[in-house]
Every structure is written in C-alpha cells, then in structure tokens.
Amino acid sequence: MKPYKTEDQISMITEIGIVAGEIWRALDDKDELPIAELIDVTHCSRDLILMAAGWLAREAHITIKHAEGDYWMKIRRRSS
C-alpha cells in the first residue's frame, strides 16, 4: 500500500516542476548554462535547481556535464 502524499510533498513537487520550467526557458534562450548562471537567471536556490535538473535529466529533456568547476545544462534536442 502506497502512503498518501502530504500537502508539503505535493507543494514541493509543484515547486520543483515550476523551477524545471524556468530552467527550460533559460536554456531555450541561452542554449547551455552552468548552475551558477541558472541560479542568477531564475533566482532559485541551488538545491531547487539541482532537484529540477535531476527531474529534467531523468526525463531525458536535458543533458548535464561537469566542466570548468560547475555543472552545465543543455536542452536535449531531438532530431526530426
């Protein structure tokens, strides 16, 4: 039997989803950004950026690489 989600869990999931959308818009505009810049652009905490990025990466919407001392994110473009 699955436990019911609490109100706090639902609001956190919603917040992560909203931040995922903000990351998507930022990457769509700039193509590739490090976490440090995503924090500045979205005005979100590093923790929320990482949670939302994990969600987007798991769903194969973005790629993440480690370079220049930070994690860089880029939209995964699907070929037609």
N, C-alpha and C. Protein backbone atom coordinates (compact mmCIF):
# COMPACT_ATOMS: atom_id res chain seq x y z
N MET A 1 0.84 -1.19 0.00
CA MET A 1 0.00 0.00 0.00
C MET A 1 0.88 1.24 0.00
N LYS A 2 0.63 2.14 -0.93
CA LYS A 2 1.40 3.37 -1.03
C LYS A 2 0.91 4.38 0.00
N PRO A 3 1.83 5.06 0.65
CA PRO A 3 1.39 6.11 1.59
C PRO A 3 0.86 7.31 0.80
N TYR A 4 -0.06 7.99 1.40
CA TYR A 4 -0.58 9.20 0.77
C TYR A 4 0.45 10.30 0.85
N LYS A 5 0.47 11.16 -0.16
CA LYS A 5 1.39 12.29 -0.14
C LYS A 5 0.83 13.37 0.76
N THR A 6 1.73 13.95 1.53
CA THR A 6 1.30 15.04 2.40
C THR A 6 1.21 16.32 1.59
N GLU A 7 0.57 17.30 2.16
CA GLU A 7 0.44 18.60 1.50
C GLU A 7 1.81 19.21 1.21
N ASP A 8 2.77 19.03 2.13
CA ASP A 8 4.13 19.55 1.93
C ASP A 8 4.81 18.89 0.74
N GLN A 9 4.62 17.57 0.59
CA GLN A 9 5.23 16.86 -0.54
C GLN A 9 4.63 17.33 -1.86
N ILE A 10 3.34 17.53 -1.90
CA ILE A 10 2.68 18.00 -3.12
C ILE A 10 3.18 19.39 -3.48
N SER A 11 3.28 20.28 -2.50
CA SER A 11 3.74 21.63 -2.82
C SER A 11 5.20 21.63 -3.25
N MET A 12 6.02 20.73 -2.70
CA MET A 12 7.42 20.64 -3.10
C MET A 12 7.52 20.12 -4.53
N ILE A 13 6.73 19.12 -4.88
CA ILE A 13 6.71 18.61 -6.24
C ILE A 13 6.29 19.71 -7.21
N THR A 14 5.30 20.49 -6.83
CA THR A 14 4.85 21.60 -7.67
C THR A 14 5.96 22.63 -7.84
N GLU A 15 6.64 22.95 -6.75
CA GLU A 15 7.73 23.94 -6.80
C GLU A 15 8.87 23.45 -7.70
N ILE A 16 9.23 22.18 -7.60
CA ILE A 16 10.28 21.61 -8.45
C ILE A 16 9.86 21.68 -9.92
N GLY A 17 8.60 21.39 -10.18
CA GLY A 17 8.08 21.48 -11.55
C GLY A 17 8.13 22.89 -12.10
N ILE A 18 7.82 23.86 -11.28
CA ILE A 18 7.88 25.27 -11.71
C ILE A 18 9.31 25.66 -12.02
N VAL A 19 10.24 25.26 -11.17
CA VAL A 19 11.66 25.56 -11.40
C VAL A 19 12.16 24.85 -12.65
N ALA A 20 11.70 23.63 -12.89
CA ALA A 20 12.07 22.91 -14.11
C ALA A 20 11.65 23.72 -15.34
N GLY A 21 10.49 24.31 -15.29
CA GLY A 21 10.02 25.17 -16.39
C GLY A 21 10.89 26.40 -16.56
N GLU A 22 11.32 26.99 -15.44
CA GLU A 22 12.19 28.17 -15.51
C GLU A 22 13.55 27.80 -16.10
N ILE A 23 14.07 26.62 -15.72
CA ILE A 23 15.34 26.15 -16.28
C ILE A 23 15.18 25.96 -17.78
N TRP A 24 14.09 25.33 -18.17
CA TRP A 24 13.84 25.07 -19.59
C TRP A 24 13.81 26.37 -20.39
N ARG A 25 13.11 27.37 -19.89
CA ARG A 25 13.03 28.66 -20.60
C ARG A 25 14.41 29.32 -20.69
N ALA A 26 15.17 29.25 -19.61
CA ALA A 26 16.51 29.85 -19.62
C ALA A 26 17.42 29.14 -20.62
N LEU A 27 17.36 27.82 -20.65
CA LEU A 27 18.20 27.06 -21.58
C LEU A 27 17.73 27.22 -23.02
N ASP A 28 16.45 27.36 -23.21
CA ASP A 28 15.92 27.58 -24.56
C ASP A 28 16.42 28.91 -25.12
N ASP A 29 16.59 29.88 -24.23
CA ASP A 29 17.06 31.20 -24.62
C ASP A 29 18.58 31.23 -24.82
N LYS A 30 19.34 30.56 -23.94
CA LYS A 30 20.81 30.66 -23.95
C LYS A 30 21.50 29.39 -24.45
N ASP A 31 20.79 28.32 -24.69
CA ASP A 31 21.30 27.04 -25.15
C ASP A 31 21.98 26.22 -24.07
N GLU A 32 23.03 26.74 -23.43
CA GLU A 32 23.75 25.98 -22.42
C GLU A 32 24.18 26.93 -21.30
N LEU A 33 23.94 26.52 -20.06
CA LEU A 33 24.28 27.37 -18.92
C LEU A 33 24.82 26.53 -17.76
N PRO A 34 25.73 27.11 -16.98
CA PRO A 34 26.16 26.44 -15.75
C PRO A 34 25.15 26.71 -14.64
N ILE A 35 25.19 25.90 -13.61
CA ILE A 35 24.28 26.08 -12.48
C ILE A 35 24.39 27.49 -11.90
N ALA A 36 25.61 27.99 -11.78
CA ALA A 36 25.80 29.34 -11.21
C ALA A 36 24.97 30.38 -11.95
N GLU A 37 24.95 30.31 -13.27
CA GLU A 37 24.16 31.27 -14.05
C GLU A 37 22.67 30.99 -13.94
N LEU A 38 22.29 29.71 -13.87
CA LEU A 38 20.87 29.39 -13.70
C LEU A 38 20.33 29.93 -12.39
N ILE A 39 21.15 29.91 -11.36
CA ILE A 39 20.74 30.49 -10.08
C ILE A 39 20.48 31.98 -10.25
N ASP A 40 21.37 32.68 -10.95
CA ASP A 40 21.19 34.12 -11.18
C ASP A 40 19.96 34.41 -12.04
N VAL A 41 19.78 33.63 -13.09
CA VAL A 41 18.68 33.87 -14.03
C VAL A 41 17.32 33.56 -13.41
N THR A 42 17.24 32.45 -12.66
CA THR A 42 15.95 32.02 -12.12
C THR A 42 15.67 32.56 -10.72
N HIS A 43 16.70 33.02 -10.03
CA HIS A 43 16.58 33.49 -8.64
C HIS A 43 16.10 32.36 -7.72
N CYS A 44 16.49 31.13 -8.06
CA CYS A 44 16.14 29.96 -7.25
C CYS A 44 17.38 29.46 -6.52
N SER A 45 17.15 28.69 -5.47
CA SER A 45 18.27 28.14 -4.70
C SER A 45 18.97 27.05 -5.50
N ARG A 46 20.22 26.81 -5.16
CA ARG A 46 21.00 25.75 -5.80
C ARG A 46 20.30 24.40 -5.61
N ASP A 47 19.76 24.18 -4.42
CA ASP A 47 19.07 22.91 -4.15
C ASP A 47 17.89 22.70 -5.10
N LEU A 48 17.07 23.73 -5.26
CA LEU A 48 15.91 23.60 -6.16
C LEU A 48 16.35 23.42 -7.61
N ILE A 49 17.40 24.14 -8.01
CA ILE A 49 17.93 23.99 -9.38
C ILE A 49 18.36 22.54 -9.59
N LEU A 50 19.08 21.97 -8.63
CA LEU A 50 19.57 20.60 -8.77
C LEU A 50 18.42 19.58 -8.78
N MET A 51 17.41 19.80 -7.94
CA MET A 51 16.27 18.88 -7.94
C MET A 51 15.54 18.92 -9.28
N ALA A 52 15.29 20.12 -9.76
CA ALA A 52 14.58 20.28 -11.03
C ALA A 52 15.42 19.76 -12.20
N ALA A 53 16.72 20.00 -12.15
CA ALA A 53 17.61 19.50 -13.21
C ALA A 53 17.63 17.96 -13.22
N GLY A 54 17.63 17.37 -12.04
CA GLY A 54 17.57 15.92 -11.96
C GLY A 54 16.30 15.38 -12.59
N TRP A 55 15.21 16.04 -12.35
CA TRP A 55 13.93 15.64 -12.93
C TRP A 55 14.01 15.74 -14.46
N LEU A 56 14.49 16.89 -14.96
CA LEU A 56 14.59 17.09 -16.41
C LEU A 56 15.55 16.08 -17.05
N ALA A 57 16.65 15.81 -16.38
CA ALA A 57 17.62 14.85 -16.91
C ALA A 57 17.03 13.44 -16.93
N ARG A 58 16.35 13.07 -15.87
CA ARG A 58 15.74 11.73 -15.78
C ARG A 58 14.71 11.53 -16.88
N GLU A 59 14.02 12.59 -17.24
CA GLU A 59 13.02 12.52 -18.30
C GLU A 59 13.64 12.72 -19.69
N ALA A 60 14.98 12.81 -19.74
CA ALA A 60 15.75 12.96 -20.99
C ALA A 60 15.44 14.27 -21.72
N HIS A 61 15.13 15.32 -20.96
CA HIS A 61 14.88 16.63 -21.56
C HIS A 61 16.14 17.48 -21.63
N ILE A 62 17.09 17.23 -20.72
CA ILE A 62 18.34 17.99 -20.73
C ILE A 62 19.52 17.03 -20.55
N THR A 63 20.69 17.54 -20.91
CA THR A 63 21.92 16.83 -20.61
C THR A 63 22.69 17.67 -19.60
N ILE A 64 23.49 16.99 -18.79
CA ILE A 64 24.30 17.67 -17.77
C ILE A 64 25.72 17.18 -17.91
N LYS A 65 26.67 18.12 -17.90
CA LYS A 65 28.08 17.73 -17.91
C LYS A 65 28.83 18.56 -16.89
N HIS A 66 29.92 18.01 -16.40
CA HIS A 66 30.76 18.74 -15.44
C HIS A 66 31.94 19.32 -16.20
N ALA A 67 32.10 20.63 -16.14
CA ALA A 67 33.20 21.31 -16.83
C ALA A 67 33.45 22.65 -16.15
N GLU A 68 34.69 23.07 -16.15
CA GLU A 68 35.06 24.38 -15.62
C GLU A 68 34.59 24.59 -14.18
N GLY A 69 34.60 23.52 -13.39
CA GLY A 69 34.25 23.61 -11.98
C GLY A 69 32.78 23.75 -11.68
N ASP A 70 31.90 23.51 -12.66
CA ASP A 70 30.46 23.62 -12.44
C ASP A 70 29.76 22.57 -13.29
N TYR A 71 28.47 22.41 -13.06
CA TYR A 71 27.66 21.54 -13.89
C TYR A 71 26.95 22.39 -14.92
N TRP A 72 27.08 22.01 -16.18
CA TRP A 72 26.48 22.73 -17.30
C TRP A 72 25.29 21.94 -17.80
N MET A 73 24.21 22.66 -18.10
CA MET A 73 22.99 22.03 -18.59
C MET A 73 22.66 22.52 -19.97
N LYS A 74 22.09 21.62 -20.74
CA LYS A 74 21.72 21.94 -22.12
C LYS A 74 20.48 21.15 -22.48
N ILE A 75 19.58 21.77 -23.25
CA ILE A 75 18.38 21.07 -23.70
C ILE A 75 18.81 19.98 -24.67
N ARG A 76 18.24 18.82 -24.49
CA ARG A 76 18.50 17.71 -25.40
C ARG A 76 17.55 17.88 -26.58
N ARG A 77 18.12 18.23 -27.71
CA ARG A 77 17.32 18.43 -28.93
C ARG A 77 17.14 17.09 -29.62
N ARG A 78 15.93 16.81 -29.98
CA ARG A 78 15.65 15.57 -30.70
C ARG A 78 15.70 15.84 -32.18
N SER A 79 16.36 14.98 -32.91
CA SER A 79 16.43 15.17 -34.37
C SER A 79 15.11 14.74 -35.00
N SER A 80 14.75 15.42 -36.05
CA SER A 80 13.45 15.15 -36.71
C SER A 80 13.54 14.00 -37.66
